Amino acid sequence: MTGVDEQDVSGPHAPLLASSPVSSDHDHERETLAPELEYSGGWFIWALTFSAGISGLLFGYDTGVISSTLVTVESDLSNRTLTTLDKSLITSCTSLFALIASPFTGVLADNFGRRKVILGADALFALGAVVQAFTGQVWGMILGRSIVGLAVGSASAVTPLYISELAPSYARGRLVTILSLFVTGGQVVAYIIGWLFSTMPGGWRWIVGIGAFPAFFQLAILVFLPETPRWLAQAGYDERAKAVLTKIYQDCPGCDQVVNRLIRDIGEEIQQEDSELDRPKSRGSNPQWLHDTLQRGRQLLHGGNRRALIIAMMLQAVQQLCGFNSLMYFSATIFESLSFSSPTLTSLSVAITNFLFTLLAFVLIDRIGRRRILLYSIPVMVIALVLCAFSFSSVNGAWHSQAPTSDHPQDSSGSLVPFVILFCLTIYTAAYALGLGNVPWQQSELFPLNVRSLGSALATATNWGSNFVIGLTFLPLMEWISPSWTFTLYAAVCVIGWFAVWRIYPEMSGLGLEEVKGLLADGWGVKASLRRSRNT
């Protein structure tokens, strides 16, 4: 495996279109339709994105809310104080069931549509929130968090796919980043709610139960959301697909020409898929869905599809194994151990930083590019983690996941040490939000239509599998090998991730979904993508 293409390059667009039988036509159309293809979307696509983004708000709220819940539940569950094992299981079961849901979500999204899967996720979000709010046992909390995990796994796999298949290529990065804004915004809301209810007896029940309201709201507006044109065309609803595209591009100059081109490109992909799957020409309700799914799985493991899957899974694994979600889950526990007077309020500073720098990523991602923003931000994460590890080494005493008591004080060698740790974690969060927090969720653009849903689902499963590992091991690692070595381990993951990005991740900014297939057809596409970005 090499980090650059071996193919001959005769022009800035040749590497991208060499695998297409109509490359010259596509090249000509990209030149004649350049102003239209730089269209960033009108009110309709932005309304759809914000409506679908409520799934991200639910995702963020339910992952962020556990931080304050763990420090306010006290002995309300099973009439005892939560142990380290209790906290780890309550936290990690969400990731485990998200992992279980993700691959099945891809199959469901291919056969029933992206919109119906989002509907099912909303129902699970509401049910999980209600179970958590009314339980009195640790196992009940684990059950509620597991149901939420099924919802999070479904929403995190399908909602980015839904938005990317609706978005114009020029604005796709920003529109998918809006989902990350909703996620980080949901985490901010979770910390604010946690802080407001932290002193109320039984307030944690309100903290987890409030998560049902956005789910009911999205259920109410879901009837107004259309299915994606790419799924509609694949299912045989060509006129409906064209109608949705016409609404998306209604404010675009030359709307009819752009829509007709997109319909043709989608149709060519579907014809190729029909041929590869040996499927009958008539589309629609296909009783051979299991056969098709198995065929797509085989296709995903070959050629450019396999390279796309490796890139997507690598990015999702690094996003989680760098340890960021340990902050989302346990920041209040960390700051409580460091003797901050209001650990939940202190945690809010981390969540707000995450939101603000995700907003900055929204502005920059399509201008700077996915690859470059990762290569710039990951080294900052490494430096912040190393400084954090060094600061923790100056804290006397063993780590304890409960608040400091006379039995196990958590003294520091100086009163500034906790604030230095907070500063380092804030810088780490800012760098993460700029790059790794957003770029991996652009994964849908890596895959051609026939394997897009399945590839995205497997990449998302990688995310939640890695998240499960982090949620289950963070507190034990802090106790067994010390906070310093735990954060050093996360820094090492970031270093490995940086080299992986540099070697195999090409620049995708500005490419249409149907063009990426040509970029990865004969290699990793790094050199070709960099040459293209210099010439555009």
Protein backbone atom coordinates (compact mmCIF):
# COMPACT_ATOMS: atom_id res chain seq x y z
CA MET A 1 0.00 0.00 0.00
CA THR A 2 1.29 3.43 -0.88
CA GLY A 3 0.15 6.87 0.01
CA VAL A 4 0.01 8.13 -3.59
CA ASP A 5 -1.41 7.06 -6.92
CA GLU A 6 0.65 5.05 -9.38
CA GLN A 7 -1.47 6.13 -12.36
CA ASP A 8 -0.38 8.44 -15.18
CA VAL A 9 -1.83 11.93 -14.95
CA SER A 10 -2.41 14.06 -18.01
CA GLY A 11 -4.49 16.86 -16.51
CA PRO A 12 -6.07 18.09 -13.32
CA HIS A 13 -9.31 16.13 -13.82
CA ALA A 14 -7.93 13.02 -15.50
CA PRO A 15 -7.18 11.05 -12.31
CA LEU A 16 -10.72 11.64 -11.10
CA LEU A 17 -12.51 10.55 -14.24
CA ALA A 18 -10.19 7.98 -15.76
CA SER A 19 -12.39 5.09 -14.67
CA SER A 20 -15.53 6.58 -16.20
CA PRO A 21 -16.55 5.55 -19.72
CA VAL A 22 -17.84 9.05 -20.33
CA SER A 23 -14.98 10.96 -18.72
CA SER A 24 -14.66 13.53 -21.48
CA ASP A 25 -18.37 14.31 -21.29
CA HIS A 26 -18.19 14.73 -17.53
CA ASP A 27 -15.12 16.94 -17.82
CA HIS A 28 -16.86 19.11 -20.41
CA GLU A 29 -19.99 19.40 -18.27
CA ARG A 30 -18.02 20.32 -15.17
CA GLU A 31 -16.55 23.23 -17.12
CA THR A 32 -19.86 24.39 -18.67
CA LEU A 33 -21.85 23.93 -15.46
CA ALA A 34 -19.16 25.19 -13.04
CA PRO A 35 -21.21 28.17 -11.71
CA GLU A 36 -24.25 25.97 -11.13
CA LEU A 37 -22.24 23.18 -9.51
CA GLU A 38 -20.88 25.70 -7.01
CA TYR A 39 -24.43 26.29 -5.82
CA SER A 40 -24.56 26.06 -2.01
CA GLY A 41 -28.27 25.42 -1.62
CA GLY A 42 -31.44 27.43 -1.10
CA TRP A 43 -33.92 27.57 1.76
CA PHE A 44 -35.29 24.08 1.08
CA ILE A 45 -32.04 22.17 1.58
CA TRP A 46 -31.17 24.23 4.65
CA ALA A 47 -34.62 23.58 6.14
CA LEU A 48 -34.21 19.85 5.50
CA THR A 49 -30.75 19.85 7.06
CA PHE A 50 -31.90 21.60 10.23
CA SER A 51 -34.95 19.34 10.51
CA ALA A 52 -32.83 16.20 10.15
CA GLY A 53 -30.23 17.71 12.47
CA ILE A 54 -32.55 17.28 15.44
CA SER A 55 -31.30 13.68 15.42
CA GLY A 56 -27.86 15.12 16.11
CA LEU A 57 -29.26 17.19 18.97
CA LEU A 58 -30.70 14.00 20.49
CA PHE A 59 -27.43 12.16 19.86
CA GLY A 60 -25.43 14.92 21.58
CA TYR A 61 -27.83 15.35 24.48
CA ASP A 62 -27.96 11.65 25.31
CA THR A 63 -24.16 11.25 25.14
CA GLY A 64 -23.48 14.43 27.13
CA VAL A 65 -26.15 14.00 29.78
CA ILE A 66 -24.47 11.03 31.45
CA SER A 67 -21.62 13.21 32.75
CA SER A 68 -23.82 15.18 35.16
CA THR A 69 -26.06 12.19 35.87
CA LEU A 70 -23.18 10.14 37.27
CA VAL A 71 -22.30 12.80 39.86
CA THR A 72 -25.88 13.66 40.88
CA VAL A 73 -27.56 10.25 41.08
CA GLU A 74 -25.93 9.54 44.47
CA SER A 75 -27.71 6.51 46.01
CA ASP A 76 -31.03 6.80 44.14
CA LEU A 77 -30.33 3.67 42.09
CA SER A 78 -30.48 0.33 43.92
CA ASN A 79 -30.16 2.26 47.23
CA ARG A 80 -26.37 2.44 47.04
CA THR A 81 -23.59 4.64 45.74
CA LEU A 82 -22.54 3.83 42.18
CA THR A 83 -19.32 1.84 41.91
CA THR A 84 -16.68 2.27 39.18
CA LEU A 85 -18.12 -0.82 37.48
CA ASP A 86 -21.66 0.64 37.64
CA LYS A 87 -20.49 3.88 36.05
CA SER A 88 -18.54 2.09 33.35
CA LEU A 89 -21.44 -0.20 32.45
CA ILE A 90 -24.04 2.60 32.45
CA THR A 91 -21.80 4.65 30.19
CA SER A 92 -20.51 1.97 27.82
CA CYS A 93 -23.80 0.11 27.24
CA THR A 94 -24.97 3.02 25.06
CA SER A 95 -21.95 2.58 22.80
CA LEU A 96 -22.33 -1.21 22.76
CA PHE A 97 -25.93 -1.07 21.56
CA ALA A 98 -25.08 1.69 19.10
CA LEU A 99 -22.46 -0.71 17.74
CA ILE A 100 -25.08 -3.45 17.44
CA ALA A 101 -27.58 -1.15 15.70
CA SER A 102 -25.23 0.43 13.15
CA PRO A 103 -24.73 -2.48 10.68
CA PHE A 104 -28.44 -3.38 10.71
CA THR A 105 -29.27 0.27 10.14
CA GLY A 106 -27.43 0.18 6.82
CA VAL A 107 -29.53 -2.74 5.61
CA LEU A 108 -32.77 -1.11 6.79
CA ALA A 109 -31.86 2.22 5.17
CA ASP A 110 -31.25 0.47 1.83
CA ASN A 111 -34.54 -1.40 1.87
CA PHE A 112 -36.97 0.97 3.62
CA GLY A 113 -35.39 4.37 3.08
CA ARG A 114 -33.30 6.78 5.14
CA ARG A 115 -36.34 8.72 6.40
CA LYS A 116 -38.09 5.72 7.99
CA VAL A 117 -34.94 4.76 9.89
CA ILE A 118 -34.75 8.28 11.37
CA LEU A 119 -38.41 7.87 12.41
CA GLY A 120 -37.58 4.61 14.23
CA ALA A 121 -34.60 6.23 15.94
CA ASP A 122 -36.84 9.01 17.30
CA ALA A 123 -39.20 6.45 18.83
CA LEU A 124 -36.25 4.72 20.53
CA PHE A 125 -34.85 8.04 21.82
CA ALA A 126 -38.18 8.81 23.49
CA LEU A 127 -38.60 5.32 24.96
CA GLY A 128 -35.04 5.24 26.34
CA ALA A 129 -35.44 8.65 28.00
CA VAL A 130 -38.68 7.59 29.71
CA VAL A 131 -37.18 4.29 30.99
CA GLN A 132 -34.19 6.14 32.49
CA ALA A 133 -36.37 8.80 34.13
CA PHE A 134 -38.62 6.33 35.97
CA THR A 135 -36.19 3.56 36.93
CA GLY A 136 -35.05 2.96 40.49
CA GLN A 137 -32.44 0.30 39.78
CA VAL A 138 -28.98 0.25 38.22
CA TRP A 139 -30.14 -2.42 35.76
CA GLY A 140 -33.05 -0.16 34.75
CA MET A 141 -30.66 2.67 33.98
CA ILE A 142 -28.52 0.26 31.95
CA LEU A 143 -31.67 -0.84 30.05
CA GLY A 144 -32.68 2.76 29.31
CA ARG A 145 -29.16 3.67 28.18
CA SER A 146 -29.10 0.55 25.96
CA ILE A 147 -32.35 1.60 24.24
CA VAL A 148 -30.85 5.05 23.71
CA GLY A 149 -27.80 3.30 22.26
CA LEU A 150 -29.95 1.63 19.60
CA ALA A 151 -31.32 5.08 18.71
CA VAL A 152 -27.90 6.74 18.68
CA GLY A 153 -26.43 3.99 16.49
CA SER A 154 -29.27 4.34 13.99
CA ALA A 155 -29.29 8.13 13.92
CA SER A 156 -25.51 8.52 13.72
CA ALA A 157 -25.34 6.15 10.74
CA VAL A 158 -28.31 7.39 8.71
CA THR A 159 -28.59 11.14 9.37
CA PRO A 160 -25.17 12.05 7.84
CA LEU A 161 -26.07 9.76 4.91
CA TYR A 162 -29.45 11.48 4.55
CA ILE A 163 -27.94 14.98 4.53
CA SER A 164 -25.03 14.10 2.19
CA GLU A 165 -27.39 12.56 -0.37
CA LEU A 166 -29.54 15.70 -0.38
CA ALA A 167 -26.76 18.29 -0.30
CA PRO A 168 -25.24 20.04 -3.33
CA SER A 169 -21.61 18.93 -3.64
CA TYR A 170 -20.17 22.42 -3.10
CA ALA A 171 -21.92 22.75 0.29
CA ARG A 172 -21.91 19.09 1.39
CA GLY A 173 -19.11 19.49 3.92
CA ARG A 174 -20.80 22.42 5.63
CA LEU A 175 -24.23 20.82 5.63
CA VAL A 176 -22.95 17.58 7.20
CA THR A 177 -21.00 19.71 9.69
CA ILE A 178 -24.33 21.24 10.76
CA LEU A 179 -25.15 17.79 12.12
CA SER A 180 -21.99 17.99 14.25
CA LEU A 181 -23.12 21.45 15.38
CA PHE A 182 -26.38 19.93 16.56
CA VAL A 183 -24.45 17.14 18.33
CA THR A 184 -22.17 19.56 20.16
CA GLY A 185 -25.11 21.90 20.79
CA GLY A 186 -26.98 18.98 22.34
CA GLN A 187 -24.00 18.34 24.60
CA VAL A 188 -23.99 22.00 25.70
CA VAL A 189 -27.72 21.79 26.47
CA ALA A 190 -27.09 18.56 28.42
CA TYR A 191 -24.46 20.25 30.60
CA ILE A 192 -26.65 23.31 31.20
CA ILE A 193 -29.63 21.12 32.15
CA GLY A 194 -27.33 19.03 34.34
CA TRP A 195 -26.05 22.13 36.12
CA LEU A 196 -29.57 23.57 36.63
CA PHE A 197 -30.91 20.34 38.13
CA SER A 198 -27.72 19.26 39.96
CA THR A 199 -28.85 20.58 43.35
CA MET A 200 -32.46 19.39 43.10
CA PRO A 201 -33.32 16.12 44.91
CA GLY A 202 -33.89 13.53 42.19
CA GLY A 203 -32.95 16.15 39.59
CA TRP A 204 -31.09 13.55 37.54
CA ARG A 205 -34.49 12.10 36.52
CA TRP A 206 -35.37 15.39 34.84
CA ILE A 207 -31.90 15.52 33.29
CA VAL A 208 -32.36 12.20 31.47
CA GLY A 209 -36.12 12.53 30.90
CA ILE A 210 -35.99 15.87 29.07
CA GLY A 211 -34.32 14.03 26.18
CA ALA A 212 -37.73 12.69 25.13
CA PHE A 213 -39.07 16.11 24.07
CA PRO A 214 -36.84 16.73 20.99
CA ALA A 215 -37.62 13.17 19.85
CA PHE A 216 -41.38 13.84 19.95
CA PHE A 217 -40.81 17.14 18.12
CA GLN A 218 -38.88 15.52 15.29
CA LEU A 219 -41.48 12.76 15.03
CA ALA A 220 -44.08 15.50 14.44
CA ILE A 221 -42.15 17.22 11.65
CA LEU A 222 -40.83 14.05 10.00
CA VAL A 223 -43.93 13.80 7.83
CA PHE A 224 -42.72 16.90 5.97
CA LEU A 225 -39.25 15.51 5.20
CA PRO A 226 -38.79 13.87 1.76
CA GLU A 227 -36.79 10.76 1.07
CA THR A 228 -33.40 11.30 -0.59
CA PRO A 229 -33.47 11.46 -4.40
CA ARG A 230 -30.73 8.85 -4.68
CA TRP A 231 -32.73 6.30 -2.66
CA LEU A 232 -35.94 7.17 -4.54
CA ALA A 233 -34.23 6.62 -7.89
CA GLN A 234 -32.72 3.36 -6.66
CA ALA A 235 -36.18 2.18 -5.54
CA GLY A 236 -37.73 3.05 -8.92
CA TYR A 237 -39.43 6.35 -8.02
CA ASP A 238 -37.71 8.42 -10.70
CA GLU A 239 -40.32 11.18 -10.91
CA ARG A 240 -40.33 11.68 -7.15
CA ALA A 241 -36.51 11.77 -7.16
CA LYS A 242 -36.55 14.45 -9.85
CA ALA A 243 -39.15 16.45 -7.92
CA VAL A 244 -36.98 16.46 -4.79
CA LEU A 245 -33.88 17.51 -6.77
CA THR A 246 -35.87 20.28 -8.45
CA LYS A 247 -36.86 21.64 -5.03
CA ILE A 248 -33.25 21.47 -3.83
CA TYR A 249 -31.92 23.33 -6.91
CA GLN A 250 -34.93 25.61 -7.46
CA ASP A 251 -32.90 28.78 -6.82
CA CYS A 252 -29.93 27.60 -8.88
CA PRO A 253 -29.23 29.13 -12.33
CA GLY A 254 -29.85 26.48 -14.98
CA CYS A 255 -31.80 24.34 -12.51
CA ASP A 256 -33.26 21.97 -15.13
CA GLN A 257 -29.86 21.29 -16.68
CA VAL A 258 -28.25 20.52 -13.32
CA VAL A 259 -31.14 18.28 -12.21
CA ASN A 260 -31.12 16.35 -15.49
CA ARG A 261 -27.38 15.80 -15.20
CA LEU A 262 -27.69 14.52 -11.62
CA ILE A 263 -30.59 12.23 -12.55
CA ARG A 264 -28.50 10.83 -15.40
CA ASP A 265 -25.45 10.27 -13.17
CA ILE A 266 -27.57 8.53 -10.52
CA GLY A 267 -29.23 6.42 -13.21
CA GLU A 268 -25.87 5.31 -14.58
CA GLU A 269 -24.78 4.21 -11.12
CA ILE A 270 -28.02 2.27 -10.62
CA GLN A 271 -27.66 0.55 -14.01
CA GLN A 272 -24.13 -0.46 -13.10
CA GLU A 273 -25.33 -1.78 -9.73
CA ASP A 274 -28.16 -3.74 -11.38
CA SER A 275 -25.62 -5.34 -13.69
CA GLU A 276 -23.17 -6.16 -10.89
CA LEU A 277 -25.91 -7.63 -8.69
CA ASP A 278 -27.47 -9.51 -11.64
CA ARG A 279 -30.75 -7.83 -10.70
CA PRO A 280 -33.86 -7.63 -12.92
CA LYS A 281 -34.22 -4.34 -14.81
CA SER A 282 -37.50 -3.48 -13.07
CA ARG A 283 -36.80 -1.79 -9.78
CA GLY A 284 -38.92 -1.06 -6.74
CA SER A 285 -39.84 -3.56 -4.04
CA ASN A 286 -37.19 -6.21 -4.39
CA PRO A 287 -37.83 -9.56 -2.67
CA GLN A 288 -34.17 -10.46 -3.12
CA TRP A 289 -32.98 -7.86 -0.62
CA LEU A 290 -30.91 -10.39 1.31
CA HIS A 291 -29.16 -11.45 -1.90
CA ASP A 292 -28.53 -7.80 -2.75
CA THR A 293 -27.15 -7.08 0.70
CA LEU A 294 -24.73 -9.99 0.49
CA GLN A 295 -23.66 -8.87 -2.98
CA ARG A 296 -23.07 -5.33 -1.74
CA GLY A 297 -21.00 -6.76 1.11
CA ARG A 298 -18.79 -8.57 -1.41
CA GLN A 299 -18.44 -5.45 -3.54
CA LEU A 300 -17.47 -3.44 -0.47
CA LEU A 301 -14.41 -5.64 0.03
CA HIS A 302 -12.93 -5.06 -3.42
CA GLY A 303 -11.05 -2.28 -5.21
CA GLY A 304 -11.94 1.33 -4.53
CA ASN A 305 -14.80 0.33 -2.25
CA ARG A 306 -12.39 -1.46 0.05
CA ARG A 307 -10.09 1.57 0.12
CA ALA A 308 -13.07 3.79 0.93
CA LEU A 309 -14.06 1.45 3.79
CA ILE A 310 -10.51 1.40 5.20
CA ILE A 311 -10.36 5.22 5.17
CA ALA A 312 -13.80 5.61 6.76
CA MET A 313 -13.16 3.01 9.47
CA MET A 314 -9.70 4.44 10.20
CA LEU A 315 -11.08 7.95 10.70
CA GLN A 316 -13.92 6.75 12.92
CA ALA A 317 -11.59 4.60 15.04
CA VAL A 318 -9.12 7.45 15.58
CA GLN A 319 -11.98 9.83 16.41
CA GLN A 320 -12.95 7.65 19.38
CA LEU A 321 -9.68 6.01 20.47
CA CYS A 322 -8.10 9.45 20.91
CA GLY A 323 -10.19 9.52 24.10
CA PHE A 324 -12.35 12.57 23.50
CA ASN A 325 -15.62 11.00 24.60
CA SER A 326 -14.06 10.16 27.94
CA LEU A 327 -14.44 13.92 28.50
CA MET A 328 -18.05 13.90 27.38
CA TYR A 329 -18.86 10.99 29.69
CA PHE A 330 -16.63 11.68 32.68
CA SER A 331 -15.63 15.37 32.64
CA ALA A 332 -17.72 16.10 35.73
CA THR A 333 -16.13 13.10 37.44
CA ILE A 334 -12.63 14.35 36.48
CA PHE A 335 -13.27 17.89 37.74
CA GLU A 336 -14.93 16.61 40.91
CA SER A 337 -11.81 14.58 41.67
CA LEU A 338 -9.69 17.70 41.05
CA SER A 339 -11.76 19.51 43.75
CA PHE A 340 -13.55 22.01 41.53
CA SER A 341 -16.46 23.40 43.55
CA SER A 342 -18.95 22.96 40.68
CA PRO A 343 -17.75 20.10 38.45
CA THR A 344 -20.85 20.14 36.23
CA LEU A 345 -20.51 23.88 35.58
CA THR A 346 -16.78 23.44 34.91
CA SER A 347 -17.61 20.71 32.41
CA LEU A 348 -19.81 23.20 30.58
CA SER A 349 -16.67 25.09 29.49
CA VAL A 350 -15.50 21.98 27.63
CA ALA A 351 -18.89 21.52 25.95
CA ILE A 352 -19.10 25.20 24.90
CA THR A 353 -15.57 25.03 23.45
CA ASN A 354 -16.60 21.95 21.48
CA PHE A 355 -19.65 23.78 20.09
CA LEU A 356 -17.83 27.02 19.19
CA PHE A 357 -14.99 25.30 17.35
CA THR A 358 -17.43 23.02 15.55
CA LEU A 359 -19.04 26.26 14.36
CA LEU A 360 -15.61 27.39 13.14
CA ALA A 361 -15.19 24.06 11.36
CA PHE A 362 -18.52 24.73 9.61
CA VAL A 363 -16.99 27.89 8.15
CA LEU A 364 -13.62 26.36 7.22
CA ILE A 365 -14.17 22.74 6.19
CA ASP A 366 -15.07 23.38 2.55
CA ARG A 367 -12.46 26.15 2.23
CA ILE A 368 -9.46 24.45 3.84
CA GLY A 369 -10.44 20.89 2.96
CA ARG A 370 -10.97 17.74 5.01
CA ARG A 371 -7.42 16.38 4.76
CA ARG A 372 -5.63 19.62 5.54
CA ILE A 373 -7.81 20.49 8.54
CA LEU A 374 -6.98 17.07 10.06
CA LEU A 375 -3.25 17.42 9.43
CA TYR A 376 -3.26 20.83 11.13
CA SER A 377 -5.47 20.02 14.13
CA ILE A 378 -4.25 16.58 15.27
CA PRO A 379 -0.74 17.81 16.28
CA VAL A 380 -2.40 20.40 18.56
CA MET A 381 -4.34 17.57 20.19
CA VAL A 382 -1.11 15.65 20.77
CA ILE A 383 0.58 18.63 22.44
CA ALA A 384 -2.44 19.31 24.66
CA LEU A 385 -2.68 15.65 25.74
CA VAL A 386 1.04 15.45 26.55
CA LEU A 387 0.84 18.65 28.64
CA CYS A 388 -2.24 17.28 30.38
CA ALA A 389 -0.41 14.03 31.17
CA PHE A 390 2.53 15.99 32.57
CA SER A 391 0.20 18.11 34.71
CA PHE A 392 -1.54 15.04 36.12
CA SER A 393 1.86 13.62 37.07
CA SER A 394 2.31 16.53 39.47
CA VAL A 395 -0.92 15.70 41.31
CA ASN A 396 -0.25 13.72 44.46
CA GLY A 397 -2.28 10.69 45.45
CA ALA A 398 -4.07 7.97 43.53
CA TRP A 399 -6.97 8.65 41.18
CA HIS A 400 -10.45 8.06 42.56
CA SER A 401 -13.68 8.32 40.56
CA GLN A 402 -15.57 9.55 43.61
CA ALA A 403 -15.34 12.99 45.14
CA PRO A 404 -12.30 13.55 47.39
CA THR A 405 -12.88 12.65 51.01
CA SER A 406 -10.76 12.42 54.10
CA ASP A 407 -10.14 8.77 53.23
CA HIS A 408 -8.59 9.51 49.84
CA PRO A 409 -7.64 13.17 49.38
CA GLN A 410 -6.67 14.40 45.92
CA ASP A 411 -4.15 17.09 46.68
CA SER A 412 -2.09 18.92 44.10
CA SER A 413 1.41 20.28 44.27
CA GLY A 414 0.01 23.73 43.53
CA SER A 415 -3.42 25.33 43.31
CA LEU A 416 -2.91 26.11 39.61
CA VAL A 417 -2.56 22.47 38.55
CA PRO A 418 -6.31 21.78 38.18
CA PHE A 419 -6.64 24.94 36.08
CA VAL A 420 -3.71 23.93 33.90
CA ILE A 421 -5.40 20.58 33.31
CA LEU A 422 -8.67 22.38 32.47
CA PHE A 423 -6.80 24.65 30.03
CA CYS A 424 -5.09 21.68 28.32
CA LEU A 425 -8.38 19.81 28.01
CA THR A 426 -10.01 22.91 26.53
CA ILE A 427 -7.27 23.28 23.88
CA TYR A 428 -7.55 19.56 23.12
CA THR A 429 -11.32 19.94 22.72
CA ALA A 430 -10.94 22.92 20.38
CA ALA A 431 -8.52 21.07 18.09
CA TYR A 432 -10.72 17.96 18.14
CA ALA A 433 -13.83 19.95 17.21
CA LEU A 434 -12.03 21.53 14.24
CA GLY A 435 -10.96 18.23 12.73
CA LEU A 436 -11.61 14.76 14.11
CA GLY A 437 -14.96 15.76 15.56
CA ASN A 438 -16.33 16.54 12.10
CA VAL A 439 -14.36 15.04 9.22
CA PRO A 440 -15.08 11.34 9.90
CA TRP A 441 -18.82 12.04 9.58
CA GLN A 442 -18.22 13.04 5.95
CA GLN A 443 -17.84 9.28 5.38
CA SER A 444 -20.83 8.95 3.03
CA GLU A 445 -18.98 10.84 0.31
CA LEU A 446 -16.35 8.10 0.13
CA PHE A 447 -18.72 5.40 -1.12
CA PRO A 448 -20.58 4.94 -4.44
CA LEU A 449 -24.35 4.64 -4.26
CA ASN A 450 -24.57 0.84 -4.36
CA VAL A 451 -22.50 0.40 -1.15
CA ARG A 452 -22.95 3.83 0.45
CA SER A 453 -25.44 2.84 3.12
CA LEU A 454 -23.66 -0.39 4.07
CA GLY A 455 -20.20 1.23 4.06
CA SER A 456 -21.41 4.13 6.21
CA ALA A 457 -23.05 1.69 8.61
CA LEU A 458 -19.87 -0.36 9.05
CA ALA A 459 -17.78 2.79 9.56
CA THR A 460 -20.29 4.01 12.15
CA ALA A 461 -20.12 0.59 13.85
CA THR A 462 -16.36 1.09 14.08
CA ASN A 463 -17.01 4.42 15.77
CA TRP A 464 -19.30 2.89 18.37
CA GLY A 465 -17.11 -0.14 18.91
CA SER A 466 -14.19 2.18 19.69
CA ASN A 467 -16.48 4.37 21.78
CA PHE A 468 -17.52 1.30 23.79
CA VAL A 469 -13.86 0.54 24.52
CA ILE A 470 -13.25 4.12 25.71
CA GLY A 471 -16.38 4.24 27.88
CA LEU A 472 -15.64 0.88 29.50
CA THR A 473 -11.90 1.37 30.10
CA PHE A 474 -11.43 5.05 30.95
CA LEU A 475 -12.10 4.93 34.70
CA PRO A 476 -10.28 1.59 35.21
CA LEU A 477 -7.26 2.91 33.26
CA MET A 478 -7.20 6.09 35.36
CA GLU A 479 -7.05 3.90 38.48
CA TRP A 480 -4.75 1.14 37.19
CA ILE A 481 -2.08 2.97 35.15
CA SER A 482 -2.67 6.57 36.37
CA PRO A 483 -4.14 9.61 34.58
CA SER A 484 -0.74 10.54 33.14
CA TRP A 485 -0.27 7.28 31.26
CA THR A 486 -3.93 7.23 30.20
CA PHE A 487 -3.61 10.60 28.46
CA THR A 488 -0.22 9.61 27.06
CA LEU A 489 -1.90 6.58 25.49
CA TYR A 490 -4.50 8.83 23.85
CA ALA A 491 -1.71 11.07 22.52
CA ALA A 492 -0.04 8.03 20.93
CA VAL A 493 -3.30 7.16 19.15
CA CYS A 494 -3.40 10.70 17.75
CA VAL A 495 0.15 10.39 16.42
CA ILE A 496 -0.70 7.11 14.66
CA GLY A 497 -3.88 8.69 13.29
CA TRP A 498 -1.97 11.66 11.86
CA PHE A 499 0.36 9.40 9.88
CA ALA A 500 -2.61 7.35 8.62
CA VAL A 501 -4.37 10.51 7.40
CA TRP A 502 -1.21 11.78 5.72
CA ARG A 503 -0.66 8.48 3.93
CA ILE A 504 -4.08 7.32 2.70
CA TYR A 505 -6.73 10.06 3.05
CA PRO A 506 -7.25 12.09 -0.18
CA GLU A 507 -8.91 15.48 -0.35
CA MET A 508 -12.65 15.15 -1.07
CA SER A 509 -13.74 18.80 -0.92
CA GLY A 510 -15.72 19.92 -3.97
CA LEU A 511 -16.12 16.46 -5.49
CA GLY A 512 -19.56 15.22 -6.47
CA LEU A 513 -20.65 11.97 -4.84
CA GLU A 514 -20.51 10.22 -8.22
CA GLU A 515 -16.91 11.42 -8.83
CA VAL A 516 -15.23 9.98 -5.73
CA LYS A 517 -15.48 6.45 -7.15
CA GLY A 518 -13.04 7.40 -9.91
CA LEU A 519 -10.63 8.96 -7.41
CA LEU A 520 -10.25 5.73 -5.40
CA ALA A 521 -10.53 3.31 -8.33
CA ASP A 522 -6.79 2.65 -8.82
CA GLY A 523 -5.16 3.83 -5.62
CA TRP A 524 -5.58 5.97 -2.52
CA GLY A 525 -5.92 9.07 -4.69
CA VAL A 526 -3.82 11.31 -2.43
CA LYS A 527 -1.51 12.77 -5.08
CA ALA A 528 -4.32 13.12 -7.61
CA SER A 529 -6.57 14.90 -5.11
CA LEU A 530 -3.80 17.31 -4.07
CA ARG A 531 -3.04 18.09 -7.72
CA ARG A 532 -6.71 18.73 -8.34
CA SER A 533 -7.02 21.04 -5.31
CA ARG A 534 -4.07 23.10 -6.60
CA ASN A 535 -5.71 23.47 -9.99
CA THR A 536 -9.20 24.48 -8.77
